[in-house]
Structures are given as structure tokens and as C-alpha cells.
Protein backbone atom coordinates (compact mmCIF):
# COMPACT_ATOMS: atom_id res chain seq x y z
CA UNK A 1 0.03 0.07 -0.12
CA UNK A 2 2.78 2.42 1.04
CA UNK A 3 4.50 1.59 -2.39
CA UNK A 4 1.31 2.41 -4.34
CA UNK A 5 0.70 5.71 -2.46
CA UNK A 6 4.29 6.76 -3.28
CA UNK A 7 3.67 6.01 -7.07
CA UNK A 8 0.55 8.01 -7.00
CA UNK A 9 2.23 10.78 -5.53
CA UNK A 10 4.98 10.88 -7.94
CA UNK A 11 2.51 10.54 -10.57
CA UNK A 12 0.59 13.66 -9.26
CA UNK A 13 3.76 15.63 -8.97
CA UNK A 14 4.85 14.78 -12.64
CA UNK A 15 1.35 15.56 -13.85
CA UNK A 16 1.60 18.98 -11.91
CA UNK A 17 4.92 19.76 -13.34
CA UNK A 18 3.76 19.06 -16.89
CA UNK A 19 0.68 21.13 -16.25
CA UNK A 20 2.72 23.91 -15.21
CA UNK A 21 4.83 23.58 -18.20
CA UNK A 22 1.99 23.76 -20.59
CA UNK A 23 0.78 26.84 -18.76
CA UNK A 24 4.17 28.60 -19.24
CA UNK A 25 4.51 27.79 -22.64
CA UNK A 26 0.82 29.09 -23.52
CA UNK A 27 1.39 32.38 -21.47
CA UNK A 28 4.94 33.07 -20.95
CA UNK A 29 5.79 35.46 -18.02
CA UNK A 30 5.99 39.03 -19.19
CA UNK A 31 9.84 39.20 -18.40
CA UNK A 32 10.32 36.33 -20.67
CA UNK A 33 8.55 37.42 -23.81
CA UNK A 34 10.95 38.81 -26.41
CA UNK A 35 10.25 42.31 -27.62
CA UNK A 36 9.87 43.09 -31.34
CA UNK A 37 10.02 46.51 -32.44
CA UNK A 38 8.22 47.50 -35.56
CA UNK A 39 8.52 51.21 -37.07
CA UNK A 40 5.16 52.25 -39.11
CA UNK A 41 3.88 55.16 -40.61
CA UNK A 42 1.01 57.00 -39.01
CA UNK A 43 -1.92 55.92 -41.36
CA UNK A 44 -1.27 52.18 -40.10
CA UNK A 45 -1.50 53.32 -36.48
CA UNK A 46 -5.31 52.60 -36.01
CA UNK A 47 -4.98 49.21 -37.67
CA UNK A 48 -1.87 48.34 -35.49
CA UNK A 49 -4.20 48.73 -32.30
CA UNK A 50 -6.01 45.62 -33.43
CA UNK A 51 -3.17 43.93 -35.04
CA UNK A 52 -1.01 43.92 -31.86
CA UNK A 53 -3.17 41.81 -29.62
CA UNK A 54 -4.30 39.69 -32.35
CA UNK A 55 -0.91 38.62 -33.23
CA UNK A 56 0.03 38.41 -29.60
CA UNK A 57 -2.39 35.66 -29.31
CA UNK A 58 -1.19 33.56 -31.82
CA UNK A 59 2.74 34.39 -30.89
CA UNK A 60 2.43 34.59 -26.88
CA UNK A 61 6.26 34.50 -26.83
CA UNK A 62 6.69 37.88 -28.58
CA UNK A 63 5.94 41.19 -27.05
CA UNK A 64 5.16 43.28 -30.16
CA UNK A 65 6.08 46.83 -29.81
CA UNK A 66 5.35 49.56 -32.44
CA UNK A 67 6.27 53.17 -32.95
CA UNK A 68 4.93 55.73 -35.42
CA UNK A 69 7.64 57.45 -37.58
CA UNK A 70 7.73 59.64 -40.70
CA UNK A 71 8.52 57.29 -43.72
CA UNK A 72 11.64 59.38 -44.47
CA UNK A 73 12.56 59.33 -40.89
CA UNK A 74 12.62 55.46 -40.87
CA UNK A 75 15.28 55.44 -43.60
CA UNK A 76 17.25 58.21 -42.24
CA UNK A 77 17.46 56.16 -38.83
CA UNK A 78 18.79 53.11 -40.43
CA UNK A 79 21.44 55.11 -42.55
CA UNK A 80 22.47 57.07 -39.42
CA UNK A 81 22.77 54.07 -36.93
CA UNK A 82 21.79 53.95 -33.43
CA UNK A 83 20.71 51.69 -30.74
CA UNK A 84 16.95 52.23 -30.82
CA UNK A 85 16.37 50.88 -34.29
CA UNK A 86 13.34 48.78 -35.52
CA UNK A 87 13.56 45.02 -36.77
CA UNK A 88 10.63 45.62 -39.19
CA UNK A 89 9.84 48.73 -41.19
CA UNK A 90 6.65 49.48 -42.78
CA UNK A 91 6.58 52.99 -44.18
CA UNK A 92 3.82 54.71 -46.05
CA UNK A 93 5.29 53.42 -49.40
CA UNK A 94 7.68 50.74 -50.46
CA UNK A 95 9.50 53.34 -52.44
CA UNK A 96 11.14 54.39 -49.21
CA UNK A 97 12.35 50.69 -48.72
CA UNK A 98 13.60 50.91 -52.22
CA UNK A 99 15.48 54.19 -51.64
CA UNK A 100 16.91 52.56 -48.30
CA UNK A 101 18.50 49.55 -50.26
CA UNK A 102 19.70 52.00 -52.99
CA UNK A 103 21.35 54.01 -50.28
CA UNK A 104 22.97 51.16 -48.71
CA UNK A 105 24.40 50.06 -52.10
CA UNK A 106 25.78 53.34 -52.93
CA UNK A 107 27.69 53.17 -49.65
CA UNK A 108 29.27 49.95 -50.69
CA UNK A 109 26.95 47.93 -47.93
CA UNK A 110 25.12 44.79 -48.52
CA UNK A 111 21.15 44.81 -48.80
CA UNK A 112 19.83 45.90 -45.41
CA UNK A 113 17.04 43.50 -45.81
CA UNK A 114 16.69 39.79 -44.50
CA UNK A 115 14.48 39.03 -47.38
CA UNK A 116 12.62 40.71 -49.87
CA UNK A 117 9.99 43.21 -48.65
CA UNK A 118 6.50 41.91 -48.84
CA UNK A 119 3.60 43.79 -50.01
CA UNK A 120 1.05 43.92 -46.92
CA UNK A 121 -1.57 46.34 -48.19
CA UNK A 122 -2.54 49.08 -50.71
CA UNK A 123 -4.37 52.52 -50.44
CA UNK A 124 -5.12 55.49 -52.46
CA UNK A 125 -4.57 59.33 -52.22
CA UNK A 126 -7.97 60.80 -51.57
CA UNK A 127 -9.40 63.99 -50.60
CA UNK A 128 -11.94 64.70 -47.62
CA UNK A 129 -13.97 67.60 -47.87
CA UNK A 130 -16.84 68.89 -45.70
CA UNK A 131 -20.29 68.51 -47.62
CA UNK A 132 -21.12 72.27 -48.27
CA UNK A 133 -17.59 73.12 -49.41
CA UNK A 134 -17.75 70.14 -51.64
CA UNK A 135 -20.99 71.00 -53.25
CA UNK A 136 -19.77 74.53 -53.93
CA UNK A 137 -16.28 73.66 -55.10
CA UNK A 138 -17.35 70.59 -57.20
CA UNK A 139 -20.63 71.19 -58.33
CA UNK A 140 -20.65 68.01 -60.54
CA UNK A 141 -19.86 65.79 -57.54
CA UNK A 142 -16.34 64.73 -58.77
CA UNK A 143 -12.95 65.99 -57.75
CA UNK A 144 -11.07 68.25 -60.14
CA UNK A 145 -7.54 69.28 -60.02
CA UNK A 146 -8.12 72.37 -62.12
CA UNK A 147 -11.00 73.44 -59.77
CA UNK A 148 -8.86 73.01 -56.74
CA UNK A 149 -5.85 74.85 -58.24
CA UNK A 150 -8.43 77.80 -58.85
CA UNK A 151 -9.79 77.85 -55.31
CA UNK A 152 -6.41 78.06 -53.79
CA UNK A 153 -5.52 80.84 -56.18
CA UNK A 154 -8.36 82.71 -55.30
CA UNK A 155 -7.84 82.33 -51.68
CA UNK A 156 -11.23 83.35 -50.55
CA UNK A 157 -14.45 81.56 -50.72
CA UNK A 158 -16.39 84.85 -51.82
CA UNK A 159 -14.30 84.68 -55.12
CA UNK A 160 -15.82 81.48 -55.88
CA UNK A 161 -19.63 82.64 -55.17
CA UNK A 162 -19.68 81.15 -51.44
CA UNK A 163 -20.76 83.09 -48.46
CA UNK A 164 -18.28 85.59 -47.45
CA UNK A 165 -18.60 84.15 -43.91
CA UNK A 166 -16.80 80.89 -44.95
CA UNK A 167 -13.40 83.17 -44.99
CA UNK A 168 -10.38 82.08 -46.63
CA UNK A 169 -10.21 78.73 -48.70
CA UNK A 170 -7.90 76.34 -46.60
CA UNK A 171 -6.24 73.65 -48.20
CA UNK A 172 -4.57 70.82 -45.77
CA UNK A 173 -2.02 68.24 -46.82
CA UNK A 174 1.19 67.09 -45.04
CA UNK A 175 4.63 68.40 -45.00
CA UNK A 176 6.37 66.85 -48.16
CA UNK A 177 9.86 67.01 -46.24
CA UNK A 178 8.29 64.49 -43.62
CA UNK A 179 5.35 62.53 -45.03
CA UNK A 180 4.70 60.38 -48.21
CA UNK A 181 0.96 61.68 -48.62
CA UNK A 182 2.51 65.22 -48.81
CA UNK A 183 4.96 64.07 -51.42
CA UNK A 184 2.27 62.40 -53.43
CA UNK A 185 0.07 65.48 -53.18
CA UNK A 186 2.87 67.57 -54.44
CA UNK A 187 3.50 65.19 -57.35
CA UNK A 188 -0.01 65.35 -58.51
CA UNK A 189 -0.39 68.87 -58.02
CA UNK A 190 2.63 69.43 -60.22
CA UNK A 191 1.53 66.75 -62.64
CA UNK A 192 4.93 64.83 -61.66
CA UNK A 193 7.08 67.50 -62.89
CA UNK A 194 8.51 70.49 -61.06
CA UNK A 195 7.36 73.03 -63.41
CA UNK A 196 8.02 76.71 -62.84
CA UNK A 197 5.79 78.22 -60.18
CA UNK A 198 3.90 75.21 -59.55
CA UNK A 199 5.86 74.31 -56.09
CA UNK A 200 5.57 77.58 -54.86
CA UNK A 201 1.74 77.97 -55.53
CA UNK A 202 1.04 74.68 -53.59
CA UNK A 203 3.08 75.85 -50.79
CA UNK A 204 1.35 79.25 -50.54
CA UNK A 205 -1.96 77.36 -50.79
CA UNK A 206 -1.36 75.01 -47.85
CA UNK A 207 -2.72 75.67 -44.71
CA UNK A 208 -0.48 74.38 -41.70
CA UNK A 209 0.97 71.49 -43.16
CA UNK A 210 1.20 68.46 -40.78
CA UNK A 211 3.82 66.22 -39.92
CA UNK A 212 1.81 63.13 -40.70
CA UNK A 213 -1.38 61.94 -42.23
CA UNK A 214 -3.15 60.84 -38.96
CA UNK A 215 -2.39 64.12 -37.18
CA UNK A 216 -3.77 65.91 -40.18
CA UNK A 217 -6.91 64.13 -40.08
CA UNK A 218 -7.27 64.52 -36.20
CA UNK A 219 -6.86 68.40 -36.65
CA UNK A 220 -9.18 68.36 -39.67
CA UNK A 221 -11.99 66.57 -37.73
CA UNK A 222 -11.48 68.56 -34.51
CA UNK A 223 -11.21 71.92 -36.16
CA UNK A 224 -14.03 71.42 -38.76
CA UNK A 225 -14.29 73.91 -41.49
CA UNK A 226 -12.35 76.53 -39.41
CA UNK A 227 -9.28 74.37 -39.69
CA UNK A 228 -9.61 73.36 -43.24
CA UNK A 229 -12.03 73.07 -45.93
CA UNK A 230 -10.40 69.93 -47.90
CA UNK A 231 -7.70 67.63 -47.02
CA UNK A 232 -5.33 65.33 -48.95
CA UNK A 233 -5.24 62.09 -47.17
CA UNK A 234 -4.97 58.20 -47.54
CA UNK A 235 -8.29 56.26 -48.49
CA UNK A 236 -7.53 53.82 -45.36
CA UNK A 237 -6.96 56.81 -42.83
CA UNK A 238 -10.30 58.63 -44.22
CA UNK A 239 -12.25 55.43 -44.00
CA UNK A 240 -10.72 54.54 -40.56
CA UNK A 241 -11.67 58.13 -38.99
CA UNK A 242 -14.89 58.52 -40.91
CA UNK A 243 -17.17 57.41 -38.05
CA UNK A 244 -15.28 60.00 -35.62
CA UNK A 245 -16.03 62.75 -38.21
CA UNK A 246 -19.58 61.81 -38.36
CA UNK A 247 -19.84 61.97 -34.48
CA UNK A 248 -17.94 65.52 -34.32
CA UNK A 249 -19.75 67.13 -37.07
CA UNK A 250 -23.36 66.46 -38.72
CA UNK A 251 -22.93 64.42 -41.84
CA UNK A 252 -19.15 63.86 -41.36
CA UNK A 253 -16.98 64.53 -44.26
CA UNK A 254 -17.06 63.17 -48.12
CA UNK A 255 -14.49 61.17 -49.46
CA UNK A 256 -13.71 61.93 -53.09
CA UNK A 257 -11.05 60.22 -55.34
CA UNK A 258 -8.82 62.46 -57.51
CA UNK A 259 -8.48 61.68 -61.15
CA UNK A 260 -5.79 60.99 -61.61
CA UNK A 261 -4.57 59.87 -58.09
CA UNK A 262 -1.65 57.44 -56.71
CA UNK A 263 -1.83 54.01 -55.36
CA UNK A 264 0.49 53.66 -52.61
CA UNK A 265 1.95 50.23 -51.84
CA UNK A 266 2.69 49.39 -48.19
CA UNK A 267 5.48 46.62 -47.76
CA UNK A 268 7.14 45.33 -44.72
CA UNK A 269 10.79 44.71 -44.50
CA UNK A 270 12.72 42.67 -41.90
CA UNK A 271 16.21 44.14 -41.42
CA UNK A 272 19.26 42.10 -41.19
CA UNK A 273 21.61 42.53 -38.19
CA UNK A 274 21.14 44.85 -35.38
CA UNK A 275 17.68 45.96 -34.35
CA UNK A 276 15.24 45.21 -31.39
CA UNK A 277 13.80 41.72 -31.93
CA UNK A 278 15.31 38.30 -32.23
CA UNK A 279 16.25 36.58 -35.60
CA UNK A 280 13.00 35.11 -37.07
CA UNK A 281 10.48 37.02 -35.14
CA UNK A 282 10.21 39.72 -37.76
CA UNK A 283 9.58 37.17 -40.36
CA UNK A 284 6.62 35.67 -38.23
CA UNK A 285 5.03 39.15 -38.14
CA UNK A 286 5.41 40.02 -41.68
CA UNK A 287 4.03 36.59 -42.39
CA UNK A 288 1.10 37.23 -40.01
CA UNK A 289 0.30 40.32 -42.06
CA UNK A 290 0.35 38.61 -45.35
CA UNK A 291 -1.83 35.74 -44.02
CA UNK A 292 -5.72 35.73 -43.98
CA UNK A 293 -5.98 36.85 -40.53
CA UNK A 294 -3.74 39.95 -40.92
CA UNK A 295 -5.13 40.80 -44.25
CA UNK A 296 -8.69 40.70 -42.85
CA UNK A 297 -7.81 42.96 -40.11
CA UNK A 298 -6.35 45.45 -42.43
CA UNK A 299 -9.18 45.35 -44.81
CA UNK A 300 -11.36 46.15 -41.79
CA UNK A 301 -9.43 49.31 -41.17
CA UNK A 302 -9.78 50.76 -44.85
CA UNK A 303 -6.63 49.12 -46.43
CA UNK A 304 -7.06 47.55 -49.84
CA UNK A 305 -5.75 43.90 -49.71
CA UNK A 306 -2.13 43.12 -50.95
CA UNK A 307 -3.71 41.62 -53.79
CA UNK A 308 -5.38 44.96 -54.89
CA UNK A 309 -8.87 43.87 -53.99
CA UNK A 310 -10.62 47.06 -52.58
CA UNK A 311 -12.71 47.86 -49.56
CA UNK A 312 -15.22 49.44 -52.08
CA UNK A 313 -15.52 50.10 -55.66
CA UNK A 314 -14.48 53.80 -54.80
CA UNK A 315 -11.70 54.90 -57.14
CA UNK A 316 -11.94 52.01 -59.51
CA UNK A 317 -12.69 54.21 -62.63
CA UNK A 318 -9.90 56.95 -62.03
CA UNK A 319 -6.41 56.86 -63.42
CA UNK A 320 -3.80 55.50 -60.87
CA UNK A 321 -0.48 56.86 -61.72
CA UNK A 322 2.66 55.81 -60.34
CA UNK A 323 4.50 57.51 -57.49
CA UNK A 324 7.27 60.10 -58.70
CA UNK A 325 10.69 58.48 -59.44
CA UNK A 326 13.46 59.26 -56.70
CA UNK A 327 14.88 61.87 -59.19
CA UNK A 328 11.34 63.59 -59.47
CA UNK A 329 10.97 63.63 -55.89
CA UNK A 330 14.18 65.04 -54.98
CA UNK A 331 13.73 67.92 -57.39
CA UNK A 332 10.37 68.70 -56.24
CA UNK A 333 11.68 68.70 -52.63
CA UNK A 334 14.53 70.70 -53.55
CA UNK A 335 11.96 73.39 -55.07
CA UNK A 336 9.73 72.99 -52.01
CA UNK A 337 12.63 73.81 -49.70
CA UNK A 338 13.52 76.80 -51.75
CA UNK A 339 9.99 78.10 -52.28
CA UNK A 340 9.41 81.25 -49.99
């Protein structure tokens, strides 16, 4: 009997140890979770609020951390070095990753990427505009670049036949020196080329250029028509914050797709070597973004899927231009800096 009791106790101890091991494996202690730092553009921030816990449920050993940075800032941080660098970069456009690879090559360095950057989402550059302003500015109900330039040149709503109380015409966009959406706006405004007077005309027209797209939308919504009549933003950002705009302002804002516009492709890159995150963890996160669960969450936050399928037929009939080439972008930004 004593022998049987001893065997039962040993069996119970073994089962208890096994159970504890299973629990620890399923839910690692906070101090044992490996941090993974991901740098993202601001347009991805609302989606990351949902992606973070969803990813960690499937990968409980990883502590996903993310930081909003300007797309150009991501490139500069990696080129400049430093201890607090992300393991995964997801700028507003994959073109910034191409620029990073080209800059590394020009310095005689190997590719900074552990593998080829993977497309994870797409979005369009669109305009958000308050309904009354949209009706006066675009009577036909469709966005017009020529009409927008005319309003910017006029400067005052009364010159467009609108009530004088509307005051000045305030066009909003992000700072092209810091934000990809601002660069796309500048390229479309100037039809891809730094034509004489074009860059200057946009710089004069812009009211308080913001440092990021998400910050711009927050200001646009909270300030209403007093803080901007029309803003150039990403479709995903506009859709994500549309309910907030409807709560803040009766009717919210309208989303109009310029013709032409630019489709920007978001790609995720895992950086080789240094960076906050263990080897292999970045690849797991990028794989999650490209999988069914990650794609569904991104689509629920207004992004078009990696395969190009849209959240709505909006914009399906407009021309989609390629982003400016590095040479075109550099010249546009050079003139932007020189414009008074």
C-alpha cells in the first residue's frame, strides 16, 4: 500500500509539473517575452491597435511593440545608425524601402533586408471635404484638380461665389519633407514635374502642413471647416476616421477620389543584423500580416488587400499613376525647400 501511495504521489507531481510547463508555454511570463520593435507610418496606427493583440494571441512569446515614424525618418534612422532601431519597417510606401536599399548599395553595403520586402496592403490618395464645401467646389460631384487649383489661387471663398462668412479657402496636406502623402500631393499638383511656379503655388496654398497623415486628419476633424476645407489623405485613414468625423460634425466629411490619383503600396521589410527583435520574429510578424487573419484586419481598417482587392468600388474608374521617381521627388523637394 505504501508503495502504491508513493507511486501515486510521484505521478501527481509529474502531472503537476507538466501542467505548469504547458501553462508557461501558452502564456509566458511578461519578463520572458521577447520584444519586437516595428516602425510604421501614421496611416497604419489605427490598424496596429487591433493587430498587436491579435498577433500576440497567436505568438504569446513575442511582445510586439510599435512606433510611429515618418517614412523618410525610418530611412534616415537606419542610415544614421543608433541603438534604438526597429527590426521591421513598414513605411507609407514601398518606394522608401527601395530608396533605403539603393542608399546602402551606394555606400558599398550589403542589402539591409533579411528577405525581399513583402507587400501587405494598398491605399489611394484621396480628398476629404466638408459637404457644403464640396457642393460649392465640385458642383458635378467629382473631384477636379483644375477646380482645386482655381480655389487655391482665389484664396477666398467669396471669389468662388460662396458666402463671405466662409472666409479663406484652406487646403490641408502633410509636409512633403516629412510625409509620403505630402509628397504624393505635391507630385499630383505639379503633374509629376517641378514646373516653374507650381511648387510655390502649392506651398502658398497650404494651410498648416502637418507632419503626418493621421495628425492631419485629427486636426481636420476636431477643427472642422475653421481648420480646413479640404485635406489630401490616404483612403485607409479617411475610412478609419470617418465614424469619428460623423460624431464630431453632422454628416461627417465626404471622400472624393482625385482623377488622376496615386496608389501607394505598403510593404513590410525585416532588417538584417541589429534591431530590436530576435532573428525570425520579424519574419513571423510579416507572415502574419500577409496571411488571412492579418489581411482581414487590415481590410477592416480601410486598407485594400495586398492583392489589390478594394474595400469598396470607390476609385475604380480613375487613373492611378505611379509615385514619382526618386529623381522627380528629389527635385520637387528641392524646390519646396527653396520656395518662400
